[in-house]
PDB file of N, CA and C in Angstrom:
ATOM      1  N   MET A   1     -13.025  14.847   8.982  1.00  0.00           N
ATOM      2  CA  MET A   1     -11.789  14.102   9.159  1.00  0.00           C
ATOM      3  C   MET A   1     -10.727  14.715   8.244  1.00  0.00           C
ATOM      4  N   THR A   2      -9.531  14.853   8.758  1.00  0.00           N
ATOM      5  CA  THR A   2      -8.421  15.399   7.982  1.00  0.00           C
ATOM      6  C   THR A   2      -7.442  14.289   7.596  1.00  0.00           C
ATOM      7  N   ARG A   3      -6.521  14.635   6.714  1.00  0.00           N
ATOM      8  CA  ARG A   3      -5.482  13.687   6.305  1.00  0.00           C
ATOM      9  C   ARG A   3      -4.662  13.227   7.513  1.00  0.00           C
ATOM     10  N   GLU A   4      -4.399  14.133   8.429  1.00  0.00           N
ATOM     11  CA  GLU A   4      -3.627  13.780   9.633  1.00  0.00           C
ATOM     12  C   GLU A   4      -4.406  12.800  10.510  1.00  0.00           C
ATOM     13  N   ASP A   5      -5.718  12.952  10.583  1.00  0.00           N
ATOM     14  CA  ASP A   5      -6.551  11.995  11.331  1.00  0.00           C
ATOM     15  C   ASP A   5      -6.457  10.606  10.708  1.00  0.00           C
ATOM     16  N   VAL A   6      -6.512  10.556   9.390  1.00  0.00           N
ATOM     17  CA  VAL A   6      -6.402   9.273   8.691  1.00  0.00           C
ATOM     18  C   VAL A   6      -5.023   8.670   8.937  1.00  0.00           C
ATOM     19  N   ARG A   7      -3.976   9.493   8.876  1.00  0.00           N
ATOM     20  CA  ARG A   7      -2.608   9.015   9.127  1.00  0.00           C
ATOM     21  C   ARG A   7      -2.494   8.390  10.520  1.00  0.00           C
ATOM     22  N   LYS A   8      -3.081   9.045  11.513  1.00  0.00           N
ATOM     23  CA  LYS A   8      -3.024   8.530  12.887  1.00  0.00           C
ATOM     24  C   LYS A   8      -3.744   7.189  13.010  1.00  0.00           C
ATOM     25  N   GLN A   9      -4.881   7.066  12.340  1.00  0.00           N
ATOM     26  CA  GLN A   9      -5.623   5.806  12.392  1.00  0.00           C
ATOM     27  C   GLN A   9      -4.849   4.683  11.699  1.00  0.00           C
ATOM     28  N   LEU A  10      -4.261   4.981  10.546  1.00  0.00           N
ATOM     29  CA  LEU A  10      -3.487   3.964   9.832  1.00  0.00           C
ATOM     30  C   LEU A  10      -2.232   3.554  10.603  1.00  0.00           C
ATOM     31  N   ALA A  11      -1.661   4.488  11.352  1.00  0.00           N
ATOM     32  CA  ALA A  11      -0.453   4.182  12.142  1.00  0.00           C
ATOM     33  C   ALA A  11      -0.736   3.129  13.208  1.00  0.00           C
ATOM     34  N   LYS A  12      -1.985   3.019  13.618  1.00  0.00           N
ATOM     35  CA  LYS A  12      -2.359   2.008  14.614  1.00  0.00           C
ATOM     36  C   LYS A  12      -2.344   0.599  14.032  1.00  0.00           C
ATOM     37  N   ASN A  13      -2.393   0.513  12.716  1.00  0.00           N
ATOM     38  CA  ASN A  13      -2.415  -0.785  12.048  1.00  0.00           C
ATOM     39  C   ASN A  13      -1.534  -0.728  10.795  1.00  0.00           C
ATOM     40  N   PRO A  14      -0.203  -0.703  10.965  1.00  0.00           N
ATOM     41  CA  PRO A  14       0.697  -0.573   9.810  1.00  0.00           C
ATOM     42  C   PRO A  14       0.654  -1.809   8.910  1.00  0.00           C
ATOM     43  N   LEU A  15       1.166  -1.651   7.707  1.00  0.00           N
ATOM     44  CA  LEU A  15       1.273  -2.789   6.800  1.00  0.00           C
ATOM     45  C   LEU A  15       2.124  -3.883   7.447  1.00  0.00           C
ATOM     46  N   GLU A  16       1.693  -5.116   7.289  1.00  0.00           N
ATOM     47  CA  GLU A  16       2.452  -6.257   7.800  1.00  0.00           C
ATOM     48  C   GLU A  16       3.152  -6.915   6.625  1.00  0.00           C
ATOM     49  N   TRP A  17       4.470  -6.823   6.639  1.00  0.00           N
ATOM     50  CA  TRP A  17       5.281  -7.332   5.532  1.00  0.00           C
ATOM     51  C   TRP A  17       5.670  -8.775   5.773  1.00  0.00           C
ATOM     52  N   LYS A  18       5.573  -9.585   4.731  1.00  0.00           N
ATOM     53  CA  LYS A  18       6.018 -10.976   4.767  1.00  0.00           C
ATOM     54  C   LYS A  18       7.214 -11.096   3.833  1.00  0.00           C
ATOM     55  N   GLU A  19       8.306 -11.572   4.389  1.00  0.00           N
ATOM     56  CA  GLU A  19       9.513 -11.759   3.573  1.00  0.00           C
ATOM     57  C   GLU A  19       9.334 -13.014   2.729  1.00  0.00           C
ATOM     58  N   GLU A  20       9.585 -12.878   1.450  1.00  0.00           N
ATOM     59  CA  GLU A  20       9.472 -13.982   0.519  1.00  0.00           C
ATOM     60  C   GLU A  20      10.749 -14.079  -0.287  1.00  0.00           C
ATOM     61  N   ARG A  21      10.895 -15.153  -1.002  1.00  0.00           N
ATOM     62  CA  ARG A  21      12.088 -15.333  -1.827  1.00  0.00           C
ATOM     63  C   ARG A  21      12.165 -14.211  -2.853  1.00  0.00           C
ATOM     64  N   GLY A  22      13.208 -13.417  -2.777  1.00  0.00           N
ATOM     65  CA  GLY A  22      13.409 -12.340  -3.724  1.00  0.00           C
ATOM     66  C   GLY A  22      12.741 -11.031  -3.362  1.00  0.00           C
ATOM     67  N   GLY A  23      12.070 -10.957  -2.202  1.00  0.00           N
ATOM     68  CA  GLY A  23      11.430  -9.691  -1.850  1.00  0.00           C
ATOM     69  C   GLY A  23      10.512  -9.794  -0.650  1.00  0.00           C
ATOM     70  N   ALA A  24       9.561  -8.873  -0.598  1.00  0.00           N
ATOM     71  CA  ALA A  24       8.617  -8.820   0.513  1.00  0.00           C
ATOM     72  C   ALA A  24       7.264  -8.346  -0.017  1.00  0.00           C
ATOM     73  N   THR A  25       6.183  -8.780   0.645  1.00  0.00           N
ATOM     74  CA  THR A  25       4.846  -8.356   0.244  1.00  0.00           C
ATOM     75  C   THR A  25       4.029  -7.971   1.471  1.00  0.00           C
ATOM     76  N   ALA A  26       3.073  -7.092   1.243  1.00  0.00           N
ATOM     77  CA  ALA A  26       2.099  -6.717   2.264  1.00  0.00           C
ATOM     78  C   ALA A  26       0.754  -6.593   1.561  1.00  0.00           C
ATOM     79  N   GLN A  27      -0.293  -7.148   2.169  1.00  0.00           N
ATOM     80  CA  GLN A  27      -1.595  -7.148   1.529  1.00  0.00           C
ATOM     81  C   GLN A  27      -2.641  -6.425   2.356  1.00  0.00           C
ATOM     82  N   LEU A  28      -3.531  -5.774   1.649  1.00  0.00           N
ATOM     83  CA  LEU A  28      -4.734  -5.199   2.246  1.00  0.00           C
ATOM     84  C   LEU A  28      -5.890  -5.983   1.641  1.00  0.00           C
ATOM     85  N   GLN A  29      -6.224  -7.093   2.235  1.00  0.00           N
ATOM     86  CA  GLN A  29      -7.312  -7.898   1.704  1.00  0.00           C
ATOM     87  C   GLN A  29      -8.639  -7.239   2.028  1.00  0.00           C
ATOM     88  N   ASN A  30      -9.519  -7.276   1.053  1.00  0.00           N
ATOM     89  CA  ASN A  30     -10.866  -6.753   1.232  1.00  0.00           C
ATOM     90  C   ASN A  30     -10.881  -5.343   1.800  1.00  0.00           C
ATOM     91  N   LEU A  31     -10.081  -4.483   1.177  1.00  0.00           N
ATOM     92  CA  LEU A  31     -10.068  -3.081   1.566  1.00  0.00           C
ATOM     93  C   LEU A  31     -11.483  -2.525   1.504  1.00  0.00           C
ATOM     94  N   THR A  32     -12.184  -2.900   0.484  1.00  0.00           N
ATOM     95  CA  THR A  32     -13.628  -2.703   0.419  1.00  0.00           C
ATOM     96  C   THR A  32     -14.193  -4.076   0.113  1.00  0.00           C
ATOM     97  N   ARG A  33     -15.447  -4.157  -0.095  1.00  0.00           N
ATOM     98  CA  ARG A  33     -16.064  -5.456  -0.368  1.00  0.00           C
ATOM     99  C   ARG A  33     -15.465  -6.134  -1.596  1.00  0.00           C
ATOM    100  N   TRP A  34     -15.051  -5.325  -2.575  1.00  0.00           N
ATOM    101  CA  TRP A  34     -14.581  -5.891  -3.834  1.00  0.00           C
ATOM    102  C   TRP A  34     -13.121  -5.608  -4.154  1.00  0.00           C
ATOM    103  N   LEU A  35     -12.432  -4.843  -3.344  1.00  0.00           N
ATOM    104  CA  LEU A  35     -11.084  -4.399  -3.702  1.00  0.00           C
ATOM    105  C   LEU A  35     -10.029  -4.969  -2.764  1.00  0.00           C
ATOM    106  N   GLY A  36      -8.986  -5.552  -3.353  1.00  0.00           N
ATOM    107  CA  GLY A  36      -7.823  -5.996  -2.605  1.00  0.00           C
ATOM    108  C   GLY A  36      -6.588  -5.289  -3.130  1.00  0.00           C
ATOM    109  N   VAL A  37      -5.622  -5.043  -2.251  1.00  0.00           N
ATOM    110  CA  VAL A  37      -4.406  -4.325  -2.638  1.00  0.00           C
ATOM    111  C   VAL A  37      -3.207  -5.100  -2.108  1.00  0.00           C
ATOM    112  N   LYS A  38      -2.184  -5.250  -2.961  1.00  0.00           N
ATOM    113  CA  LYS A  38      -0.966  -5.954  -2.561  1.00  0.00           C
ATOM    114  C   LYS A  38       0.243  -5.119  -2.952  1.00  0.00           C
ATOM    115  N   TYR A  39       1.073  -4.808  -1.970  1.00  0.00           N
ATOM    116  CA  TYR A  39       2.339  -4.102  -2.210  1.00  0.00           C
ATOM    117  C   TYR A  39       3.455  -5.131  -2.292  1.00  0.00           C
ATOM    118  N   SER A  40       4.373  -4.930  -3.229  1.00  0.00           N
ATOM    119  CA  SER A  40       5.495  -5.856  -3.402  1.00  0.00           C
ATOM    120  C   SER A  40       6.803  -5.078  -3.540  1.00  0.00           C
ATOM    121  N   ILE A  41       7.818  -5.584  -2.870  1.00  0.00           N
ATOM    122  CA  ILE A  41       9.181  -5.077  -3.052  1.00  0.00           C
ATOM    123  C   ILE A  41       9.996  -6.225  -3.625  1.00  0.00           C
ATOM    124  N   THR A  42      10.456  -6.026  -4.856  1.00  0.00           N
ATOM    125  CA  THR A  42      11.244  -7.047  -5.529  1.00  0.00           C
ATOM    126  C   THR A  42      12.402  -6.378  -6.239  1.00  0.00           C
ATOM    127  N   TRP A  43      13.594  -6.820  -5.939  1.00  0.00           N
ATOM    128  CA  TRP A  43      14.808  -6.299  -6.557  1.00  0.00           C
ATOM    129  C   TRP A  43      14.874  -4.773  -6.497  1.00  0.00           C
ATOM    130  N   GLY A  44      14.504  -4.231  -5.343  1.00  0.00           N
ATOM    131  CA  GLY A  44      14.635  -2.795  -5.131  1.00  0.00           C
ATOM    132  C   GLY A  44      13.542  -1.945  -5.760  1.00  0.00           C
ATOM    133  N   GLU A  45      12.454  -2.576  -6.206  1.00  0.00           N
ATOM    134  CA  GLU A  45      11.339  -1.834  -6.791  1.00  0.00           C
ATOM    135  C   GLU A  45      10.061  -2.074  -6.000  1.00  0.00           C
ATOM    136  N   LEU A  46       9.334  -0.999  -5.752  1.00  0.00           N
ATOM    137  CA  LEU A  46       8.060  -1.071  -5.048  1.00  0.00           C
ATOM    138  C   LEU A  46       6.930  -0.959  -6.064  1.00  0.00           C
ATOM    139  N   SER A  47       6.030  -1.922  -6.031  1.00  0.00           N
ATOM    140  CA  SER A  47       4.871  -1.877  -6.925  1.00  0.00           C
ATOM    141  C   SER A  47       3.616  -2.192  -6.123  1.00  0.00           C
ATOM    142  N   VAL A  48       2.480  -1.884  -6.713  1.00  0.00           N
ATOM    143  CA  VAL A  48       1.192  -2.158  -6.080  1.00  0.00           C
ATOM    144  C   VAL A  48       0.294  -2.839  -7.098  1.00  0.00           C
ATOM    145  N   LYS A  49      -0.419  -3.874  -6.641  1.00  0.00           N
ATOM    146  CA  LYS A  49      -1.418  -4.553  -7.460  1.00  0.00           C
ATOM    147  C   LYS A  49      -2.769  -4.327  -6.807  1.00  0.00           C
ATOM    148  N   MET A  50      -3.720  -3.883  -7.592  1.00  0.00           N
ATOM    149  CA  MET A  50      -5.085  -3.735  -7.114  1.00  0.00           C
ATOM    150  C   MET A  50      -5.946  -4.698  -7.902  1.00  0.00           C
ATOM    151  N   HIS A  51      -6.730  -5.496  -7.189  1.00  0.00           N
ATOM    152  CA  HIS A  51      -7.552  -6.480  -7.877  1.00  0.00           C
ATOM    153  C   HIS A  51      -8.987  -6.412  -7.383  1.00  0.00           C
ATOM    154  N   SER A  52      -9.896  -6.618  -8.334  1.00  0.00           N
ATOM    155  CA  SER A  52     -11.324  -6.539  -8.043  1.00  0.00           C
ATOM    156  C   SER A  52     -12.081  -7.386  -9.048  1.00  0.00           C
ATOM    157  N   ASN A  53     -12.852  -8.315  -8.555  1.00  0.00           N
ATOM    158  CA  ASN A  53     -13.707  -9.146  -9.415  1.00  0.00           C
ATOM    159  C   ASN A  53     -12.982  -9.703 -10.635  1.00  0.00           C
ATOM    160  N   GLY A  54     -11.789 -10.220 -10.431  1.00  0.00           N
ATOM    161  CA  GLY A  54     -11.040 -10.830 -11.519  1.00  0.00           C
ATOM    162  C   GLY A  54     -10.177  -9.873 -12.320  1.00  0.00           C
ATOM    163  N   ASP A  55     -10.380  -8.577 -12.195  1.00  0.00           N
ATOM    164  CA  ASP A  55      -9.545  -7.594 -12.872  1.00  0.00           C
ATOM    165  C   ASP A  55      -8.353  -7.249 -11.989  1.00  0.00           C
ATOM    166  N   CYS A  56      -7.213  -6.981 -12.614  1.00  0.00           N
ATOM    167  CA  CYS A  56      -6.009  -6.661 -11.851  1.00  0.00           C
ATOM    168  C   CYS A  56      -5.235  -5.544 -12.549  1.00  0.00           C
ATOM    169  N   ILE A  57      -4.824  -4.561 -11.755  1.00  0.00           N
ATOM    170  CA  ILE A  57      -4.009  -3.462 -12.259  1.00  0.00           C
ATOM    171  C   ILE A  57      -2.730  -3.438 -11.432  1.00  0.00           C
ATOM    172  N   THR A  58      -1.586  -3.391 -12.108  1.00  0.00           N
ATOM    173  CA  THR A  58      -0.304  -3.304 -11.422  1.00  0.00           C
ATOM    174  C   THR A  58       0.318  -1.956 -11.723  1.00  0.00           C
ATOM    175  N   GLY A  59       0.790  -1.287 -10.680  1.00  0.00           N
ATOM    176  CA  GLY A  59       1.425   0.008 -10.856  1.00  0.00           C
ATOM    177  C   GLY A  59       2.782   0.053 -10.192  1.00  0.00           C
ATOM    178  N   TYR A  60       3.733   0.651 -10.884  1.00  0.00           N
ATOM    179  CA  TYR A  60       5.082   0.859 -10.350  1.00  0.00           C
ATOM    180  C   TYR A  60       5.050   2.132  -9.510  1.00  0.00           C
ATOM    181  N   ILE A  61       5.591   2.082  -8.293  1.00  0.00           N
ATOM    182  CA  ILE A  61       5.602   3.263  -7.430  1.00  0.00           C
ATOM    183  C   ILE A  61       6.969   3.929  -7.449  1.00  0.00           C
ATOM    184  N   THR A  62       8.019   3.199  -7.095  1.00  0.00           N
ATOM    185  CA  THR A  62       9.355   3.791  -7.044  1.00  0.00           C
ATOM    186  C   THR A  62      10.404   2.687  -6.920  1.00  0.00           C
ATOM    187  N   ALA A  63      11.649   3.074  -7.010  1.00  0.00           N
ATOM    188  CA  ALA A  63      12.768   2.154  -6.817  1.00  0.00           C
ATOM    189  C   ALA A  63      13.705   2.746  -5.782  1.00  0.00           C
ATOM    190  N   GLY A  64      14.469   1.884  -5.137  1.00  0.00           N
ATOM    191  CA  GLY A  64      15.436   2.337  -4.143  1.00  0.00           C
ATOM    192  C   GLY A  64      16.252   1.173  -3.626  1.00  0.00           C
ATOM    193  N   TYR A  65      17.247   1.508  -2.846  1.00  0.00           N
ATOM    194  CA  TYR A  65      18.141   0.479  -2.328  1.00  0.00           C
ATOM    195  C   TYR A  65      17.788   0.039  -0.914  1.00  0.00           C
ATOM    196  N   CYS A  66      16.982   0.810  -0.232  1.00  0.00           N
ATOM    197  CA  CYS A  66      16.684   0.546   1.173  1.00  0.00           C
ATOM    198  C   CYS A  66      15.234   0.096   1.345  1.00  0.00           C
ATOM    199  N   ASP A  67      15.052  -1.126   1.843  1.00  0.00           N
ATOM    200  CA  ASP A  67      13.703  -1.646   2.051  1.00  0.00           C
ATOM    201  C   ASP A  67      12.903  -0.798   3.032  1.00  0.00           C
ATOM    202  N   VAL A  68      13.568  -0.221   4.029  1.00  0.00           N
ATOM    203  CA  VAL A  68      12.866   0.619   5.004  1.00  0.00           C
ATOM    204  C   VAL A  68      12.236   1.827   4.302  1.00  0.00           C
ATOM    205  N   THR A  69      12.983   2.433   3.403  1.00  0.00           N
ATOM    206  CA  THR A  69      12.473   3.576   2.644  1.00  0.00           C
ATOM    207  C   THR A  69      11.324   3.158   1.733  1.00  0.00           C
ATOM    208  N   LEU A  70      11.468   2.011   1.067  1.00  0.00           N
ATOM    209  CA  LEU A  70      10.408   1.536   0.176  1.00  0.00           C
ATOM    210  C   LEU A  70       9.140   1.201   0.958  1.00  0.00           C
ATOM    211  N   LYS A  71       9.287   0.640   2.136  1.00  0.00           N
ATOM    212  CA  LYS A  71       8.115   0.336   2.971  1.00  0.00           C
ATOM    213  C   LYS A  71       7.431   1.617   3.440  1.00  0.00           C
ATOM    214  N   ALA A  72       8.212   2.645   3.723  1.00  0.00           N
ATOM    215  CA  ALA A  72       7.632   3.943   4.095  1.00  0.00           C
ATOM    216  C   ALA A  72       6.867   4.536   2.910  1.00  0.00           C
ATOM    217  N   LYS A  73       7.383   4.364   1.698  1.00  0.00           N
ATOM    218  CA  LYS A  73       6.687   4.835   0.493  1.00  0.00           C
ATOM    219  C   LYS A  73       5.370   4.090   0.302  1.00  0.00           C
ATOM    220  N   ALA A  74       5.366   2.799   0.625  1.00  0.00           N
ATOM    221  CA  ALA A  74       4.123   2.020   0.542  1.00  0.00           C
ATOM    222  C   ALA A  74       3.088   2.562   1.522  1.00  0.00           C
ATOM    223  N   GLU A  75       3.533   2.931   2.725  1.00  0.00           N
ATOM    224  CA  GLU A  75       2.612   3.515   3.715  1.00  0.00           C
ATOM    225  C   GLU A  75       2.051   4.845   3.212  1.00  0.00           C
ATOM    226  N   GLU A  76       2.894   5.646   2.560  1.00  0.00           N
ATOM    227  CA  GLU A  76       2.430   6.914   1.993  1.00  0.00           C
ATOM    228  C   GLU A  76       1.382   6.671   0.915  1.00  0.00           C
ATOM    229  N   ASN A  77       1.640   5.657   0.071  1.00  0.00           N
ATOM    230  CA  ASN A  77       0.694   5.322  -0.978  1.00  0.00           C
ATOM    231  C   ASN A  77      -0.632   4.846  -0.393  1.00  0.00           C
ATOM    232  N   ARG A  78      -0.554   4.054   0.669  1.00  0.00           N
ATOM    233  CA  ARG A  78      -1.771   3.571   1.345  1.00  0.00           C
ATOM    234  C   ARG A  78      -2.557   4.741   1.905  1.00  0.00           C
ATOM    235  N   LEU A  79      -1.869   5.706   2.512  1.00  0.00           N
ATOM    236  CA  LEU A  79      -2.529   6.898   3.039  1.00  0.00           C
ATOM    237  C   LEU A  79      -3.241   7.654   1.920  1.00  0.00           C
ATOM    238  N   ASP A  80      -2.560   7.847   0.800  1.00  0.00           N
ATOM    239  CA  ASP A  80      -3.173   8.528  -0.345  1.00  0.00           C
ATOM    240  C   ASP A  80      -4.426   7.790  -0.821  1.00  0.00           C
ATOM    241  N   LEU A  81      -4.324   6.473  -0.935  1.00  0.00           N
ATOM    242  CA  LEU A  81      -5.435   5.658  -1.404  1.00  0.00           C
ATOM    243  C   LEU A  81      -6.642   5.770  -0.475  1.00  0.00           C
ATOM    244  N   VAL A  82      -6.410   5.621   0.817  1.00  0.00           N
ATOM    245  CA  VAL A  82      -7.512   5.686   1.783  1.00  0.00           C
ATOM    246  C   VAL A  82      -8.126   7.082   1.819  1.00  0.00           C
ATOM    247  N   CYS A  83      -7.311   8.106   1.761  1.00  0.00           N
ATOM    248  CA  CYS A  83      -7.847   9.481   1.746  1.00  0.00           C
ATOM    249  C   CYS A  83      -8.721   9.697   0.519  1.00  0.00           C
ATOM    250  N   ARG A  84      -8.293   9.198  -0.632  1.00  0.00           N
ATOM    251  CA  ARG A  84      -9.111   9.334  -1.846  1.00  0.00           C
ATOM    252  C   ARG A  84     -10.427   8.595  -1.702  1.00  0.00           C
ATOM    253  N   MET A  85     -10.372   7.397  -1.113  1.00  0.00           N
ATOM    254  CA  MET A  85     -11.596   6.611  -0.945  1.00  0.00           C
ATOM    255  C   MET A  85     -12.569   7.294   0.019  1.00  0.00           C
ATOM    256  N   LEU A  86     -12.031   7.967   1.020  1.00  0.00           N
ATOM    257  CA  LEU A  86     -12.877   8.649   2.008  1.00  0.00           C
ATOM    258  C   LEU A  86     -13.270  10.059   1.586  1.00  0.00           C
ATOM    259  N   GLY A  87     -12.671  10.554   0.522  1.00  0.00           N
ATOM    260  CA  GLY A  87     -12.966  11.899   0.067  1.00  0.00           C
ATOM    261  C   GLY A  87     -12.284  12.978   0.901  1.00  0.00           C
ATOM    262  N   VAL A  88     -11.204  12.607   1.589  1.00  0.00           N
ATOM    263  CA  VAL A  88     -10.449  13.546   2.410  1.00  0.00           C
ATOM    264  C   VAL A  88      -9.498  14.333   1.510  1.00  0.00           C
ATOM    265  N   THR A  89      -9.602  15.652   1.523  1.00  0.00           N
ATOM    266  CA  THR A  89      -8.757  16.481   0.670  1.00  0.00           C
ATOM    267  C   THR A  89      -7.825  17.387   1.456  1.00  0.00           C
ATOM    268  N   GLU A  90      -8.026  17.527   2.739  1.00  0.00           N
ATOM    269  CA  GLU A  90      -7.213  18.444   3.569  1.00  0.00           C
ATOM    270  C   GLU A  90      -5.953  17.756   4.043  1.00  0.00           C
TER     271      GLU A  90
END
């Protein structure tokens, strides 16, 4: 499997964003048995929270003025994450 194959598969099921007060979120619940991922756009900043068995890590991805661009960056981050989990390097 190549990175492009993974991209095509993910395109069939894009992130579903929920508009919330002050921003938007998209979740990947149970990405694996123990891992959940939540993307958030708040005040022009895109961040990701990864949580597993009570532990939580929050990472800043980027900032911008356009939600469409930030959502595309979240999709890129999701692609990177899934490729790493699958061991896809091409």
